[in-house]
Amino acid sequence: MTTSPLFELCSLDATVTSLLKEGNILKVFKFGSAPQDTKPPYVVWQNIGGVPINYLGERPDMENRLIQVDAYATTQEKVTEIIDAVEYAIEEDAHIVGYNIDELDVNTGLWRASFDAEFYNTRS
Protein backbone atom coordinates (compact mmCIF):
# COMPACT_ATOMS: atom_id res chain seq x y z
CA MET A 1 0.00 0.00 0.00
CA THR A 2 1.35 3.41 -0.97
CA THR A 3 0.46 6.81 0.35
CA SER A 4 -0.63 10.06 -1.23
CA PRO A 5 2.08 12.32 -2.70
CA LEU A 6 0.19 15.40 -1.46
CA PHE A 7 2.91 16.63 0.90
CA GLU A 8 5.68 16.22 -1.67
CA LEU A 9 3.69 18.08 -4.34
CA CYS A 10 2.82 20.91 -1.95
CA SER A 11 6.45 21.20 -0.83
CA LEU A 12 7.51 21.78 -4.46
CA ASP A 13 4.99 24.58 -5.05
CA ALA A 14 6.18 28.12 -4.34
CA THR A 15 2.70 29.49 -3.65
CA VAL A 16 1.80 26.75 -1.17
CA THR A 17 5.11 27.08 0.64
CA SER A 18 4.74 30.87 0.84
CA LEU A 19 1.31 30.42 2.45
CA LEU A 20 2.03 27.46 4.75
CA LYS A 21 5.73 27.31 5.56
CA GLU A 22 6.70 28.46 9.04
CA GLY A 23 10.43 28.22 9.69
CA ASN A 24 11.43 24.85 8.26
CA ILE A 25 7.97 23.30 8.78
CA LEU A 26 5.48 23.06 5.94
CA LYS A 27 2.10 22.99 7.68
CA VAL A 28 0.61 20.18 5.57
CA PHE A 29 -0.13 17.22 7.82
CA LYS A 30 -1.65 13.78 7.52
CA PHE A 31 -4.88 13.78 9.54
CA GLY A 32 -4.17 13.38 13.24
CA SER A 33 -0.45 14.13 12.97
CA ALA A 34 -0.42 17.93 13.30
CA PRO A 35 1.21 19.06 16.52
CA GLN A 36 -1.40 20.11 19.09
CA ASP A 37 -0.16 23.70 19.21
CA THR A 38 -0.16 24.26 15.41
CA LYS A 39 -1.37 27.75 14.64
CA PRO A 40 -3.43 28.46 11.52
CA PRO A 41 -3.24 28.45 8.64
CA TYR A 42 -2.58 24.76 7.95
CA VAL A 43 -3.75 21.86 5.78
CA VAL A 44 -4.62 18.32 6.79
CA TRP A 45 -5.40 15.36 4.56
CA GLN A 46 -6.71 11.85 5.06
CA ASN A 47 -7.39 8.71 3.04
CA ILE A 48 -11.12 8.28 2.48
CA GLY A 49 -11.09 5.46 -0.06
CA GLY A 50 -9.31 3.75 -2.89
CA VAL A 51 -8.75 0.36 -4.45
CA PRO A 52 -5.91 -1.64 -5.97
CA ILE A 53 -6.00 -1.97 -9.75
CA ASN A 54 -6.59 -5.71 -9.92
CA TYR A 55 -5.63 -8.15 -12.69
CA LEU A 56 -6.35 -11.83 -13.15
CA GLY A 57 -3.31 -13.96 -12.41
CA GLU A 58 -0.94 -11.28 -11.07
CA ARG A 59 -0.60 -8.81 -8.25
CA PRO A 60 -1.81 -5.24 -8.66
CA ASP A 61 0.95 -2.86 -9.70
CA MET A 62 -1.12 0.29 -9.17
CA GLU A 63 -3.80 1.59 -6.88
CA ASN A 64 -5.95 4.63 -6.64
CA ARG A 65 -6.10 6.70 -3.48
CA LEU A 66 -9.01 8.96 -2.69
CA ILE A 67 -8.05 11.64 -0.19
CA GLN A 68 -9.82 14.52 1.46
CA VAL A 69 -7.87 17.77 1.80
CA ASP A 70 -8.96 20.34 4.40
CA ALA A 71 -7.49 23.82 4.80
CA TYR A 72 -7.98 25.87 7.97
CA ALA A 73 -7.43 29.60 8.41
CA THR A 74 -8.70 32.53 10.45
CA THR A 75 -10.46 34.23 7.51
CA GLN A 76 -12.63 33.05 4.66
CA GLU A 77 -10.37 34.83 2.16
CA LYS A 78 -7.20 33.15 3.46
CA VAL A 79 -8.70 29.65 3.52
CA THR A 80 -9.89 30.11 -0.07
CA GLU A 81 -6.44 31.29 -1.13
CA ILE A 82 -4.82 28.25 0.50
CA ILE A 83 -7.22 25.60 -0.81
CA ASP A 84 -6.94 27.05 -4.33
CA ALA A 85 -3.13 26.96 -4.12
CA VAL A 86 -3.11 23.33 -2.95
CA GLU A 87 -5.52 22.33 -5.72
CA TYR A 88 -3.32 24.04 -8.31
CA ALA A 89 -0.20 22.35 -6.87
CA ILE A 90 -1.58 18.82 -7.24
CA GLU A 91 -3.96 18.93 -10.21
CA GLU A 92 -1.38 17.79 -12.77
CA ASP A 93 -0.86 14.61 -10.71
CA ALA A 94 -4.37 14.05 -9.34
CA HIS A 95 -7.99 14.27 -10.35
CA ILE A 96 -10.09 16.64 -8.26
CA VAL A 97 -13.29 14.64 -7.83
CA GLY A 98 -15.35 16.74 -5.44
CA TYR A 99 -15.63 20.04 -3.66
CA ASN A 100 -16.89 19.86 -0.10
CA ILE A 101 -18.74 22.37 2.05
CA ASP A 102 -16.79 25.46 3.11
CA GLU A 103 -17.74 26.42 6.63
CA LEU A 104 -16.85 28.13 9.85
CA ASP A 105 -15.88 25.38 12.30
CA VAL A 106 -17.81 26.18 15.48
CA ASN A 107 -15.40 24.23 17.71
CA THR A 108 -12.22 25.97 16.58
CA GLY A 109 -13.55 29.26 15.20
CA LEU A 110 -11.53 28.62 12.03
CA TRP A 111 -12.72 28.68 8.43
CA ARG A 112 -12.45 25.35 6.61
CA ALA A 113 -12.39 24.66 2.88
CA SER A 114 -12.15 21.15 1.48
CA PHE A 115 -11.95 19.03 -1.65
CA ASP A 116 -11.49 15.37 -2.56
CA ALA A 117 -8.73 14.22 -4.93
CA GLU A 118 -7.86 10.89 -6.49
CA PHE A 119 -4.27 9.80 -7.13
CA TYR A 120 -3.15 6.78 -9.13
CA ASN A 121 0.01 5.43 -7.55
CA THR A 122 2.45 2.79 -8.72
CA ARG A 123 3.03 0.15 -6.08
CA SER A 124 6.62 -0.47 -5.10
C-alpha atoms as a PDB file:
ATOM      1  CA  MET A   1       0.000   0.000   0.000  1.00  0.00           C
ATOM      2  CA  THR A   2       1.353   3.406  -0.968  1.00  0.00           C
ATOM      3  CA  THR A   3       0.455   6.807   0.352  1.00  0.00           C
ATOM      4  CA  SER A   4      -0.629  10.058  -1.231  1.00  0.00           C
ATOM      5  CA  PRO A   5       2.083  12.318  -2.695  1.00  0.00           C
ATOM      6  CA  LEU A   6       0.194  15.398  -1.462  1.00  0.00           C
ATOM      7  CA  PHE A   7       2.906  16.634   0.901  1.00  0.00           C
ATOM      8  CA  GLU A   8       5.676  16.224  -1.665  1.00  0.00           C
ATOM      9  CA  LEU A   9       3.686  18.076  -4.341  1.00  0.00           C
ATOM     10  CA  CYS A  10       2.824  20.907  -1.945  1.00  0.00           C
ATOM     11  CA  SER A  11       6.450  21.202  -0.833  1.00  0.00           C
ATOM     12  CA  LEU A  12       7.515  21.785  -4.463  1.00  0.00           C
ATOM     13  CA  ASP A  13       4.988  24.578  -5.054  1.00  0.00           C
ATOM     14  CA  ALA A  14       6.182  28.122  -4.336  1.00  0.00           C
ATOM     15  CA  THR A  15       2.697  29.494  -3.652  1.00  0.00           C
ATOM     16  CA  VAL A  16       1.803  26.745  -1.170  1.00  0.00           C
ATOM     17  CA  THR A  17       5.111  27.080   0.638  1.00  0.00           C
ATOM     18  CA  SER A  18       4.735  30.874   0.836  1.00  0.00           C
ATOM     19  CA  LEU A  19       1.313  30.422   2.448  1.00  0.00           C
ATOM     20  CA  LEU A  20       2.030  27.460   4.746  1.00  0.00           C
ATOM     21  CA  LYS A  21       5.732  27.307   5.565  1.00  0.00           C
ATOM     22  CA  GLU A  22       6.704  28.456   9.041  1.00  0.00           C
ATOM     23  CA  GLY A  23      10.427  28.221   9.685  1.00  0.00           C
ATOM     24  CA  ASN A  24      11.433  24.855   8.259  1.00  0.00           C
ATOM     25  CA  ILE A  25       7.966  23.304   8.785  1.00  0.00           C
ATOM     26  CA  LEU A  26       5.479  23.058   5.937  1.00  0.00           C
ATOM     27  CA  LYS A  27       2.105  22.992   7.679  1.00  0.00           C
ATOM     28  CA  VAL A  28       0.613  20.176   5.572  1.00  0.00           C
ATOM     29  CA  PHE A  29      -0.131  17.218   7.821  1.00  0.00           C
ATOM     30  CA  LYS A  30      -1.647  13.775   7.518  1.00  0.00           C
ATOM     31  CA  PHE A  31      -4.882  13.779   9.539  1.00  0.00           C
ATOM     32  CA  GLY A  32      -4.173  13.376  13.244  1.00  0.00           C
ATOM     33  CA  SER A  33      -0.450  14.133  12.973  1.00  0.00           C
ATOM     34  CA  ALA A  34      -0.421  17.926  13.298  1.00  0.00           C
ATOM     35  CA  PRO A  35       1.213  19.062  16.523  1.00  0.00           C
ATOM     36  CA  GLN A  36      -1.396  20.114  19.092  1.00  0.00           C
ATOM     37  CA  ASP A  37      -0.155  23.701  19.207  1.00  0.00           C
ATOM     38  CA  THR A  38      -0.162  24.262  15.408  1.00  0.00           C
ATOM     39  CA  LYS A  39      -1.372  27.754  14.639  1.00  0.00           C
ATOM     40  CA  PRO A  40      -3.435  28.460  11.518  1.00  0.00           C
ATOM     41  CA  PRO A  41      -3.236  28.450   8.638  1.00  0.00           C
ATOM     42  CA  TYR A  42      -2.584  24.763   7.949  1.00  0.00           C
ATOM     43  CA  VAL A  43      -3.748  21.860   5.784  1.00  0.00           C
ATOM     44  CA  VAL A  44      -4.618  18.316   6.793  1.00  0.00           C
ATOM     45  CA  TRP A  45      -5.401  15.357   4.555  1.00  0.00           C
ATOM     46  CA  GLN A  46      -6.709  11.845   5.056  1.00  0.00           C
ATOM     47  CA  ASN A  47      -7.395   8.715   3.040  1.00  0.00           C
ATOM     48  CA  ILE A  48     -11.122   8.281   2.481  1.00  0.00           C
ATOM     49  CA  GLY A  49     -11.085   5.463  -0.064  1.00  0.00           C
ATOM     50  CA  GLY A  50      -9.315   3.754  -2.887  1.00  0.00           C
ATOM     51  CA  VAL A  51      -8.753   0.362  -4.454  1.00  0.00           C
ATOM     52  CA  PRO A  52      -5.913  -1.643  -5.971  1.00  0.00           C
ATOM     53  CA  ILE A  53      -5.997  -1.967  -9.752  1.00  0.00           C
ATOM     54  CA  ASN A  54      -6.591  -5.712  -9.922  1.00  0.00           C
ATOM     55  CA  TYR A  55      -5.627  -8.147 -12.687  1.00  0.00           C
ATOM     56  CA  LEU A  56      -6.352 -11.827 -13.152  1.00  0.00           C
ATOM     57  CA  GLY A  57      -3.307 -13.957 -12.409  1.00  0.00           C
ATOM     58  CA  GLU A  58      -0.945 -11.284 -11.070  1.00  0.00           C
ATOM     59  CA  ARG A  59      -0.598  -8.811  -8.251  1.00  0.00           C
ATOM     60  CA  PRO A  60      -1.811  -5.244  -8.657  1.00  0.00           C
ATOM     61  CA  ASP A  61       0.954  -2.860  -9.696  1.00  0.00           C
ATOM     62  CA  MET A  62      -1.121   0.289  -9.170  1.00  0.00           C
ATOM     63  CA  GLU A  63      -3.803   1.586  -6.877  1.00  0.00           C
ATOM     64  CA  ASN A  64      -5.953   4.632  -6.639  1.00  0.00           C
ATOM     65  CA  ARG A  65      -6.105   6.702  -3.475  1.00  0.00           C
ATOM     66  CA  LEU A  66      -9.014   8.957  -2.688  1.00  0.00           C
ATOM     67  CA  ILE A  67      -8.052  11.641  -0.194  1.00  0.00           C
ATOM     68  CA  GLN A  68      -9.825  14.521   1.461  1.00  0.00           C
ATOM     69  CA  VAL A  69      -7.871  17.767   1.797  1.00  0.00           C
ATOM     70  CA  ASP A  70      -8.961  20.337   4.397  1.00  0.00           C
ATOM     71  CA  ALA A  71      -7.489  23.821   4.799  1.00  0.00           C
ATOM     72  CA  TYR A  72      -7.976  25.867   7.967  1.00  0.00           C
ATOM     73  CA  ALA A  73      -7.430  29.604   8.409  1.00  0.00           C
ATOM     74  CA  THR A  74      -8.705  32.530  10.449  1.00  0.00           C
ATOM     75  CA  THR A  75     -10.461  34.228   7.514  1.00  0.00           C
ATOM     76  CA  GLN A  76     -12.626  33.054   4.664  1.00  0.00           C
ATOM     77  CA  GLU A  77     -10.368  34.826   2.156  1.00  0.00           C
ATOM     78  CA  LYS A  78      -7.201  33.147   3.463  1.00  0.00           C
ATOM     79  CA  VAL A  79      -8.698  29.646   3.524  1.00  0.00           C
ATOM     80  CA  THR A  80      -9.891  30.113  -0.071  1.00  0.00           C
ATOM     81  CA  GLU A  81      -6.437  31.289  -1.129  1.00  0.00           C
ATOM     82  CA  ILE A  82      -4.820  28.249   0.503  1.00  0.00           C
ATOM     83  CA  ILE A  83      -7.217  25.600  -0.812  1.00  0.00           C
ATOM     84  CA  ASP A  84      -6.938  27.049  -4.332  1.00  0.00           C
ATOM     85  CA  ALA A  85      -3.127  26.958  -4.120  1.00  0.00           C
ATOM     86  CA  VAL A  86      -3.109  23.331  -2.949  1.00  0.00           C
ATOM     87  CA  GLU A  87      -5.522  22.334  -5.720  1.00  0.00           C
ATOM     88  CA  TYR A  88      -3.324  24.043  -8.310  1.00  0.00           C
ATOM     89  CA  ALA A  89      -0.202  22.352  -6.874  1.00  0.00           C
ATOM     90  CA  ILE A  90      -1.581  18.823  -7.240  1.00  0.00           C
ATOM     91  CA  GLU A  91      -3.962  18.926 -10.205  1.00  0.00           C
ATOM     92  CA  GLU A  92      -1.385  17.792 -12.768  1.00  0.00           C
ATOM     93  CA  ASP A  93      -0.862  14.606 -10.714  1.00  0.00           C
ATOM     94  CA  ALA A  94      -4.369  14.051  -9.337  1.00  0.00           C
ATOM     95  CA  HIS A  95      -7.993  14.265 -10.352  1.00  0.00           C
ATOM     96  CA  ILE A  96     -10.087  16.635  -8.256  1.00  0.00           C
ATOM     97  CA  VAL A  97     -13.293  14.638  -7.834  1.00  0.00           C
ATOM     98  CA  GLY A  98     -15.347  16.738  -5.441  1.00  0.00           C
ATOM     99  CA  TYR A  99     -15.631  20.040  -3.655  1.00  0.00           C
ATOM    100  CA  ASN A 100     -16.885  19.864  -0.101  1.00  0.00           C
ATOM    101  CA  ILE A 101     -18.739  22.366   2.050  1.00  0.00           C
ATOM    102  CA  ASP A 102     -16.787  25.465   3.105  1.00  0.00           C
ATOM    103  CA  GLU A 103     -17.740  26.418   6.628  1.00  0.00           C
ATOM    104  CA  LEU A 104     -16.846  28.126   9.847  1.00  0.00           C
ATOM    105  CA  ASP A 105     -15.884  25.384  12.301  1.00  0.00           C
ATOM    106  CA  VAL A 106     -17.814  26.178  15.481  1.00  0.00           C
ATOM    107  CA  ASN A 107     -15.404  24.228  17.706  1.00  0.00           C
ATOM    108  CA  THR A 108     -12.216  25.972  16.584  1.00  0.00           C
ATOM    109  CA  GLY A 109     -13.553  29.260  15.197  1.00  0.00           C
ATOM    110  CA  LEU A 110     -11.530  28.622  12.026  1.00  0.00           C
ATOM    111  CA  TRP A 111     -12.721  28.682   8.428  1.00  0.00           C
ATOM    112  CA  ARG A 112     -12.450  25.349   6.612  1.00  0.00           C
ATOM    113  CA  ALA A 113     -12.390  24.659   2.881  1.00  0.00           C
ATOM    114  CA  SER A 114     -12.155  21.150   1.480  1.00  0.00           C
ATOM    115  CA  PHE A 115     -11.948  19.033  -1.649  1.00  0.00           C
ATOM    116  CA  ASP A 116     -11.490  15.368  -2.560  1.00  0.00           C
ATOM    117  CA  ALA A 117      -8.731  14.220  -4.926  1.00  0.00           C
ATOM    118  CA  GLU A 118      -7.859  10.894  -6.494  1.00  0.00           C
ATOM    119  CA  PHE A 119      -4.267   9.800  -7.126  1.00  0.00           C
ATOM    120  CA  TYR A 120      -3.154   6.777  -9.133  1.00  0.00           C
ATOM    121  CA  ASN A 121       0.015   5.427  -7.549  1.00  0.00           C
ATOM    122  CA  THR A 122       2.454   2.793  -8.722  1.00  0.00           C
ATOM    123  CA  ARG A 123       3.035   0.149  -6.076  1.00  0.00           C
ATOM    124  CA  SER A 124       6.625  -0.466  -5.102  1.00  0.00           C
END
